Amino acid sequence: MRRLFWLGLGVAVGAVAVRKISQTAQAYSPQGVAASLQSSAVGALDEVRSFVSDVRASMAEREEQILDAVAAGQDRSARPHG
């Protein structure tokens, strides 16, 4: 009975080890590295797009503030002083 237990344990440990080694080998294969780089590039591209979108929104907001300030300045200068 004891030998059967150790045999089963050895088979289980061997199966887990083979699975982990296979996963590691796949991760470092050219296809695995390419997939990893692609997912990293997609994430970086999404971050850049988000940043550009935020910058454009801030630019539009600031442009509106400047135009309002210019319009208010023209209204004051059009009024007669006195």
PDB file of N, CA and C in Angstrom:
ATOM      1  N   MET A   1       0.824  -1.196   0.000  1.00  0.00           N
ATOM      2  CA  MET A   1       0.000   0.000   0.000  1.00  0.00           C
ATOM      3  C   MET A   1       0.865   1.256   0.000  1.00  0.00           C
ATOM      4  N   ARG A   2       1.939   1.219   0.763  1.00  0.00           N
ATOM      5  CA  ARG A   2       2.832   2.356   0.851  1.00  0.00           C
ATOM      6  C   ARG A   2       3.477   2.654  -0.506  1.00  0.00           C
ATOM      7  N   ARG A   3       3.884   1.627  -1.194  1.00  0.00           N
ATOM      8  CA  ARG A   3       4.514   1.809  -2.503  1.00  0.00           C
ATOM      9  C   ARG A   3       3.528   2.399  -3.503  1.00  0.00           C
ATOM     10  N   LEU A   4       2.287   1.985  -3.430  1.00  0.00           N
ATOM     11  CA  LEU A   4       1.265   2.511  -4.323  1.00  0.00           C
ATOM     12  C   LEU A   4       1.047   4.007  -4.067  1.00  0.00           C
ATOM     13  N   PHE A   5       1.046   4.404  -2.809  1.00  0.00           N
ATOM     14  CA  PHE A   5       0.923   5.823  -2.460  1.00  0.00           C
ATOM     15  C   PHE A   5       2.059   6.628  -3.067  1.00  0.00           C
ATOM     16  N   TRP A   6       3.294   6.179  -2.876  1.00  0.00           N
ATOM     17  CA  TRP A   6       4.450   6.907  -3.385  1.00  0.00           C
ATOM     18  C   TRP A   6       4.479   6.907  -4.910  1.00  0.00           C
ATOM     19  N   LEU A   7       4.023   5.843  -5.524  1.00  0.00           N
ATOM     20  CA  LEU A   7       3.938   5.794  -6.982  1.00  0.00           C
ATOM     21  C   LEU A   7       2.930   6.832  -7.479  1.00  0.00           C
ATOM     22  N   GLY A   8       1.771   6.881  -6.845  1.00  0.00           N
ATOM     23  CA  GLY A   8       0.749   7.867  -7.224  1.00  0.00           C
ATOM     24  C   GLY A   8       1.231   9.286  -7.019  1.00  0.00           C
ATOM     25  N   LEU A   9       1.911   9.522  -5.900  1.00  0.00           N
ATOM     26  CA  LEU A   9       2.447  10.850  -5.629  1.00  0.00           C
ATOM     27  C   LEU A   9       3.497  11.235  -6.669  1.00  0.00           C
ATOM     28  N   GLY A  10       4.330  10.303  -7.035  1.00  0.00           N
ATOM     29  CA  GLY A  10       5.352  10.559  -8.050  1.00  0.00           C
ATOM     30  C   GLY A  10       4.752  10.870  -9.405  1.00  0.00           C
ATOM     31  N   VAL A  11       3.708  10.153  -9.768  1.00  0.00           N
ATOM     32  CA  VAL A  11       3.020  10.407 -11.036  1.00  0.00           C
ATOM     33  C   VAL A  11       2.388  11.797 -11.022  1.00  0.00           C
ATOM     34  N   ALA A  12       1.752  12.159  -9.921  1.00  0.00           N
ATOM     35  CA  ALA A  12       1.113  13.474  -9.824  1.00  0.00           C
ATOM     36  C   ALA A  12       2.146  14.592  -9.898  1.00  0.00           C
ATOM     37  N   VAL A  13       3.240  14.470  -9.162  1.00  0.00           N
ATOM     38  CA  VAL A  13       4.290  15.491  -9.184  1.00  0.00           C
ATOM     39  C   VAL A  13       4.901  15.569 -10.579  1.00  0.00           C
ATOM     40  N   GLY A  14       5.100  14.432 -11.206  1.00  0.00           N
ATOM     41  CA  GLY A  14       5.642  14.414 -12.566  1.00  0.00           C
ATOM     42  C   GLY A  14       4.721  15.105 -13.555  1.00  0.00           C
ATOM     43  N   ALA A  15       3.423  14.869 -13.432  1.00  0.00           N
ATOM     44  CA  ALA A  15       2.454  15.502 -14.333  1.00  0.00           C
ATOM     45  C   ALA A  15       2.445  17.016 -14.151  1.00  0.00           C
ATOM     46  N   VAL A  16       2.483  17.464 -12.902  1.00  0.00           N
ATOM     47  CA  VAL A  16       2.512  18.905 -12.630  1.00  0.00           C
ATOM     48  C   VAL A  16       3.794  19.517 -13.179  1.00  0.00           C
ATOM     49  N   ALA A  17       4.916  18.834 -12.990  1.00  0.00           N
ATOM     50  CA  ALA A  17       6.198  19.352 -13.474  1.00  0.00           C
ATOM     51  C   ALA A  17       6.210  19.447 -14.993  1.00  0.00           C
ATOM     52  N   VAL A  18       5.700  18.436 -15.669  1.00  0.00           N
ATOM     53  CA  VAL A  18       5.652  18.461 -17.138  1.00  0.00           C
ATOM     54  C   VAL A  18       4.757  19.596 -17.614  1.00  0.00           C
ATOM     55  N   ARG A  19       3.639  19.803 -16.949  1.00  0.00           N
ATOM     56  CA  ARG A  19       2.721  20.883 -17.341  1.00  0.00           C
ATOM     57  C   ARG A  19       3.378  22.259 -17.170  1.00  0.00           C
ATOM     58  N   LYS A  20       4.046  22.473 -16.052  1.00  0.00           N
ATOM     59  CA  LYS A  20       4.715  23.758 -15.810  1.00  0.00           C
ATOM     60  C   LYS A  20       5.844  23.984 -16.809  1.00  0.00           C
ATOM     61  N   ILE A  21       6.609  22.944 -17.085  1.00  0.00           N
ATOM     62  CA  ILE A  21       7.705  23.073 -18.050  1.00  0.00           C
ATOM     63  C   ILE A  21       7.150  23.376 -19.438  1.00  0.00           C
ATOM     64  N   SER A  22       6.056  22.752 -19.810  1.00  0.00           N
ATOM     65  CA  SER A  22       5.429  23.010 -21.111  1.00  0.00           C
ATOM     66  C   SER A  22       4.943  24.452 -21.206  1.00  0.00           C
ATOM     67  N   GLN A  23       4.329  24.946 -20.144  1.00  0.00           N
ATOM     68  CA  GLN A  23       3.849  26.331 -20.136  1.00  0.00           C
ATOM     69  C   GLN A  23       5.008  27.310 -20.239  1.00  0.00           C
ATOM     70  N   THR A  24       6.080  27.048 -19.522  1.00  0.00           N
ATOM     71  CA  THR A  24       7.248  27.924 -19.566  1.00  0.00           C
ATOM     72  C   THR A  24       7.884  27.893 -20.945  1.00  0.00           C
ATOM     73  N   ALA A  25       7.997  26.711 -21.527  1.00  0.00           N
ATOM     74  CA  ALA A  25       8.571  26.592 -22.869  1.00  0.00           C
ATOM     75  C   ALA A  25       7.711  27.330 -23.886  1.00  0.00           C
ATOM     76  N   GLN A  26       6.396  27.246 -23.754  1.00  0.00           N
ATOM     77  CA  GLN A  26       5.499  27.953 -24.669  1.00  0.00           C
ATOM     78  C   GLN A  26       5.639  29.464 -24.500  1.00  0.00           C
ATOM     79  N   ALA A  27       5.787  29.921 -23.275  1.00  0.00           N
ATOM     80  CA  ALA A  27       5.911  31.360 -23.026  1.00  0.00           C
ATOM     81  C   ALA A  27       7.185  31.928 -23.639  1.00  0.00           C
ATOM     82  N   TYR A  28       8.250  31.137 -23.682  1.00  0.00           N
ATOM     83  CA  TYR A  28       9.517  31.615 -24.220  1.00  0.00           C
ATOM     84  C   TYR A  28       9.747  31.207 -25.667  1.00  0.00           C
ATOM     85  N   SER A  29       8.760  30.592 -26.288  1.00  0.00           N
ATOM     86  CA  SER A  29       8.871  30.268 -27.708  1.00  0.00           C
ATOM     87  C   SER A  29       8.646  31.551 -28.507  1.00  0.00           C
ATOM     88  N   PRO A  30       9.020  31.583 -29.776  1.00  0.00           N
ATOM     89  CA  PRO A  30       8.797  32.794 -30.573  1.00  0.00           C
ATOM     90  C   PRO A  30       7.330  33.230 -30.597  1.00  0.00           C
ATOM     91  N   GLN A  31       6.412  32.276 -30.675  1.00  0.00           N
ATOM     92  CA  GLN A  31       4.989  32.631 -30.683  1.00  0.00           C
ATOM     93  C   GLN A  31       4.556  33.204 -29.333  1.00  0.00           C
ATOM     94  N   GLY A  32       5.064  32.627 -28.262  1.00  0.00           N
ATOM     95  CA  GLY A  32       4.716  33.124 -26.931  1.00  0.00           C
ATOM     96  C   GLY A  32       5.249  34.520 -26.682  1.00  0.00           C
ATOM     97  N   VAL A  33       6.487  34.758 -27.106  1.00  0.00           N
ATOM     98  CA  VAL A  33       7.081  36.088 -26.951  1.00  0.00           C
ATOM     99  C   VAL A  33       6.326  37.097 -27.809  1.00  0.00           C
ATOM    100  N   ALA A  34       5.968  36.705 -29.036  1.00  0.00           N
ATOM    101  CA  ALA A  34       5.223  37.605 -29.919  1.00  0.00           C
ATOM    102  C   ALA A  34       3.868  37.960 -29.318  1.00  0.00           C
ATOM    103  N   ALA A  35       3.190  36.983 -28.749  1.00  0.00           N
ATOM    104  CA  ALA A  35       1.891  37.249 -28.126  1.00  0.00           C
ATOM    105  C   ALA A  35       2.041  38.186 -26.938  1.00  0.00           C
ATOM    106  N   SER A  36       3.088  37.989 -26.155  1.00  0.00           N
ATOM    107  CA  SER A  36       3.335  38.858 -25.003  1.00  0.00           C
ATOM    108  C   SER A  36       3.628  40.287 -25.448  1.00  0.00           C
ATOM    109  N   LEU A  37       4.460  40.424 -26.469  1.00  0.00           N
ATOM    110  CA  LEU A  37       4.780  41.761 -26.980  1.00  0.00           C
ATOM    111  C   LEU A  37       3.554  42.430 -27.580  1.00  0.00           C
ATOM    112  N   GLN A  38       2.736  41.655 -28.263  1.00  0.00           N
ATOM    113  CA  GLN A  38       1.534  42.213 -28.866  1.00  0.00           C
ATOM    114  C   GLN A  38       0.582  42.737 -27.794  1.00  0.00           C
ATOM    115  N   SER A  39       0.389  41.970 -26.737  1.00  0.00           N
ATOM    116  CA  SER A  39      -0.513  42.426 -25.678  1.00  0.00           C
ATOM    117  C   SER A  39       0.052  43.659 -24.979  1.00  0.00           C
ATOM    118  N   SER A  40       1.369  43.722 -24.826  1.00  0.00           N
ATOM    119  CA  SER A  40       1.991  44.903 -24.227  1.00  0.00           C
ATOM    120  C   SER A  40       1.834  46.112 -25.136  1.00  0.00           C
ATOM    121  N   ALA A  41       2.014  45.901 -26.440  1.00  0.00           N
ATOM    122  CA  ALA A  41       1.889  47.003 -27.392  1.00  0.00           C
ATOM    123  C   ALA A  41       0.459  47.516 -27.442  1.00  0.00           C
ATOM    124  N   VAL A  42      -0.501  46.616 -27.394  1.00  0.00           N
ATOM    125  CA  VAL A  42      -1.907  47.023 -27.410  1.00  0.00           C
ATOM    126  C   VAL A  42      -2.222  47.841 -26.163  1.00  0.00           C
ATOM    127  N   GLY A  43      -1.726  47.414 -25.019  1.00  0.00           N
ATOM    128  CA  GLY A  43      -1.949  48.167 -23.783  1.00  0.00           C
ATOM    129  C   GLY A  43      -1.313  49.545 -23.831  1.00  0.00           C
ATOM    130  N   ALA A  44      -0.100  49.622 -24.369  1.00  0.00           N
ATOM    131  CA  ALA A  44       0.583  50.913 -24.482  1.00  0.00           C
ATOM    132  C   ALA A  44      -0.156  51.822 -25.454  1.00  0.00           C
ATOM    133  N   LEU A  45      -0.632  51.263 -26.557  1.00  0.00           N
ATOM    134  CA  LEU A  45      -1.367  52.052 -27.539  1.00  0.00           C
ATOM    135  C   LEU A  45      -2.657  52.598 -26.932  1.00  0.00           C
ATOM    136  N   ASP A  46      -3.341  51.798 -26.146  1.00  0.00           N
ATOM    137  CA  ASP A  46      -4.557  52.266 -25.473  1.00  0.00           C
ATOM    138  C   ASP A  46      -4.247  53.413 -24.509  1.00  0.00           C
ATOM    139  N   GLU A  47      -3.129  53.318 -23.802  1.00  0.00           N
ATOM    140  CA  GLU A  47      -2.731  54.389 -22.882  1.00  0.00           C
ATOM    141  C   GLU A  47      -2.430  55.676 -23.645  1.00  0.00           C
ATOM    142  N   VAL A  48      -1.752  55.567 -24.777  1.00  0.00           N
ATOM    143  CA  VAL A  48      -1.431  56.751 -25.585  1.00  0.00           C
ATOM    144  C   VAL A  48      -2.714  57.377 -26.116  1.00  0.00           C
ATOM    145  N   ARG A  49      -3.636  56.549 -26.587  1.00  0.00           N
ATOM    146  CA  ARG A  49      -4.913  57.080 -27.090  1.00  0.00           C
ATOM    147  C   ARG A  49      -5.676  57.798 -25.983  1.00  0.00           C
ATOM    148  N   SER A  50      -5.678  57.236 -24.800  1.00  0.00           N
ATOM    149  CA  SER A  50      -6.354  57.860 -23.669  1.00  0.00           C
ATOM    150  C   SER A  50      -5.712  59.200 -23.330  1.00  0.00           C
ATOM    151  N   PHE A  51      -4.379  59.243 -23.348  1.00  0.00           N
ATOM    152  CA  PHE A  51      -3.664  60.478 -23.056  1.00  0.00           C
ATOM    153  C   PHE A  51      -3.992  61.547 -24.092  1.00  0.00           C
ATOM    154  N   VAL A  52      -3.969  61.181 -25.374  1.00  0.00           N
ATOM    155  CA  VAL A  52      -4.269  62.140 -26.439  1.00  0.00           C
ATOM    156  C   VAL A  52      -5.696  62.652 -26.300  1.00  0.00           C
ATOM    157  N   SER A  53      -6.615  61.773 -25.960  1.00  0.00           N
ATOM    158  CA  SER A  53      -8.005  62.179 -25.767  1.00  0.00           C
ATOM    159  C   SER A  53      -8.129  63.177 -24.616  1.00  0.00           C
ATOM    160  N   ASP A  54      -7.435  62.926 -23.516  1.00  0.00           N
ATOM    161  CA  ASP A  54      -7.452  63.848 -22.379  1.00  0.00           C
ATOM    162  C   ASP A  54      -6.852  65.198 -22.750  1.00  0.00           C
ATOM    163  N   VAL A  55      -5.762  65.184 -23.506  1.00  0.00           N
ATOM    164  CA  VAL A  55      -5.122  66.436 -23.921  1.00  0.00           C
ATOM    165  C   VAL A  55      -6.061  67.230 -24.816  1.00  0.00           C
ATOM    166  N   ARG A  56      -6.713  66.565 -25.754  1.00  0.00           N
ATOM    167  CA  ARG A  56      -7.640  67.267 -26.655  1.00  0.00           C
ATOM    168  C   ARG A  56      -8.809  67.873 -25.884  1.00  0.00           C
ATOM    169  N   ALA A  57      -9.337  67.137 -24.918  1.00  0.00           N
ATOM    170  CA  ALA A  57     -10.448  67.658 -24.117  1.00  0.00           C
ATOM    171  C   ALA A  57     -10.001  68.872 -23.311  1.00  0.00           C
ATOM    172  N   SER A  58      -8.807  68.810 -22.744  1.00  0.00           N
ATOM    173  CA  SER A  58      -8.282  69.947 -21.981  1.00  0.00           C
ATOM    174  C   SER A  58      -8.026  71.139 -22.886  1.00  0.00           C
ATOM    175  N   MET A  59      -7.526  70.878 -24.089  1.00  0.00           N
ATOM    176  CA  MET A  59      -7.283  71.972 -25.038  1.00  0.00           C
ATOM    177  C   MET A  59      -8.594  72.659 -25.407  1.00  0.00           C
ATOM    178  N   ALA A  60      -9.632  71.879 -25.658  1.00  0.00           N
ATOM    179  CA  ALA A  60     -10.926  72.453 -26.022  1.00  0.00           C
ATOM    180  C   ALA A  60     -11.493  73.281 -24.872  1.00  0.00           C
ATOM    181  N   GLU A  61     -11.349  72.778 -23.658  1.00  0.00           N
ATOM    182  CA  GLU A  61     -11.834  73.514 -22.491  1.00  0.00           C
ATOM    183  C   GLU A  61     -11.074  74.830 -22.323  1.00  0.00           C
ATOM    184  N   ARG A  62      -9.764  74.766 -22.451  1.00  0.00           N
ATOM    185  CA  ARG A  62      -8.949  75.979 -22.295  1.00  0.00           C
ATOM    186  C   ARG A  62      -9.231  76.972 -23.419  1.00  0.00           C
ATOM    187  N   GLU A  63      -9.426  76.471 -24.640  1.00  0.00           N
ATOM    188  CA  GLU A  63      -9.740  77.355 -25.761  1.00  0.00           C
ATOM    189  C   GLU A  63     -11.054  78.088 -25.509  1.00  0.00           C
ATOM    190  N   GLU A  64     -12.029  77.381 -24.951  1.00  0.00           N
ATOM    191  CA  GLU A  64     -13.308  78.010 -24.633  1.00  0.00           C
ATOM    192  C   GLU A  64     -13.128  79.096 -23.570  1.00  0.00           C
ATOM    193  N   GLN A  65     -12.296  78.824 -22.561  1.00  0.00           N
ATOM    194  CA  GLN A  65     -12.029  79.829 -21.533  1.00  0.00           C
ATOM    195  C   GLN A  65     -11.366  81.064 -22.135  1.00  0.00           C
ATOM    196  N   ILE A  66     -10.420  80.861 -23.023  1.00  0.00           N
ATOM    197  CA  ILE A  66      -9.716  81.987 -23.650  1.00  0.00           C
ATOM    198  C   ILE A  66     -10.676  82.788 -24.518  1.00  0.00           C
ATOM    199  N   LEU A  67     -11.500  82.105 -25.302  1.00  0.00           N
ATOM    200  CA  LEU A  67     -12.457  82.815 -26.154  1.00  0.00           C
ATOM    201  C   LEU A  67     -13.456  83.605 -25.316  1.00  0.00           C
ATOM    202  N   ASP A  68     -13.893  83.041 -24.188  1.00  0.00           N
ATOM    203  CA  ASP A  68     -14.797  83.772 -23.294  1.00  0.00           C
ATOM    204  C   ASP A  68     -14.111  85.009 -22.727  1.00  0.00           C
ATOM    205  N   ALA A  69     -12.841  84.866 -22.356  1.00  0.00           N
ATOM    206  CA  ALA A  69     -12.102  86.005 -21.812  1.00  0.00           C
ATOM    207  C   ALA A  69     -11.901  87.080 -22.865  1.00  0.00           C
ATOM    208  N   VAL A  70     -11.618  86.693 -24.084  1.00  0.00           N
ATOM    209  CA  VAL A  70     -11.439  87.667 -25.169  1.00  0.00           C
ATOM    210  C   VAL A  70     -12.757  88.363 -25.459  1.00  0.00           C
ATOM    211  N   ALA A  71     -13.840  87.597 -25.499  1.00  0.00           N
ATOM    212  CA  ALA A  71     -15.149  88.194 -25.751  1.00  0.00           C
ATOM    213  C   ALA A  71     -15.522  89.158 -24.631  1.00  0.00           C
ATOM    214  N   ALA A  72     -15.235  88.826 -23.402  1.00  0.00           N
ATOM    215  CA  ALA A  72     -15.536  89.715 -22.278  1.00  0.00           C
ATOM    216  C   ALA A  72     -14.682  90.968 -22.362  1.00  0.00           C
ATOM    217  N   GLY A  73     -13.457  90.860 -22.788  1.00  0.00           N
ATOM    218  CA  GLY A  73     -12.578  92.016 -22.944  1.00  0.00           C
ATOM    219  C   GLY A  73     -13.065  92.940 -24.037  1.00  0.00           C
ATOM    220  N   GLN A  74     -13.594  92.409 -25.098  1.00  0.00           N
ATOM    221  CA  GLN A  74     -14.115  93.231 -26.185  1.00  0.00           C
ATOM    222  C   GLN A  74     -15.376  93.946 -25.748  1.00  0.00           C
ATOM    223  N   ASP A  75     -16.200  93.293 -24.934  1.00  0.00           N
ATOM    224  CA  ASP A  75     -17.418  93.926 -24.441  1.00  0.00           C
ATOM    225  C   ASP A  75     -17.075  95.115 -23.551  1.00  0.00           C
ATOM    226  N   ARG A  76     -16.056  94.977 -22.714  1.00  0.00           N
ATOM    227  CA  ARG A  76     -15.670  96.078 -21.830  1.00  0.00           C
ATOM    228  C   ARG A  76     -15.083  97.238 -22.625  1.00  0.00           C
ATOM    229  N   SER A  77     -14.306  96.942 -23.650  1.00  0.00           N
ATOM    230  CA  SER A  77     -13.677  98.018 -24.407  1.00  0.00           C
ATOM    231  C   SER A  77     -14.684  98.718 -25.307  1.00  0.00           C
ATOM    232  N   ALA A  78     -15.790  98.088 -25.633  1.00  0.00           N
ATOM    233  CA  ALA A  78     -16.799  98.704 -26.488  1.00  0.00           C
ATOM    234  C   ALA A  78     -17.659  99.692 -25.713  1.00  0.00           C
ATOM    235  N   ARG A  79     -17.688  99.553 -24.383  1.00  0.00           N
ATOM    236  CA  ARG A  79     -18.502 100.456 -23.577  1.00  0.00           C
ATOM    237  C   ARG A  79     -17.801 101.802 -23.410  1.00  0.00           C
ATOM    238  N   PRO A  80     -18.579 102.872 -23.447  1.00  0.00           N
ATOM    239  CA  PRO A  80     -17.956 104.196 -23.225  1.00  0.00           C
ATOM    240  C   PRO A  80     -17.542 104.362 -21.767  1.00  0.00           C
ATOM    241  N   HIS A  81     -16.413 105.013 -21.565  1.00  0.00           N
ATOM    242  CA  HIS A  81     -15.924 105.268 -20.206  1.00  0.00           C
ATOM    243  C   HIS A  81     -16.518 106.588 -19.731  1.00  0.00           C
ATOM    244  N   GLY A  82     -17.163 106.572 -18.642  1.00  0.00           N
ATOM    245  CA  GLY A  82     -17.604 107.865 -18.203  1.00  0.00           C
ATOM    246  C   GLY A  82     -18.732 107.828 -17.351  1.00  0.00           C
TER     247      GLY A  82
END
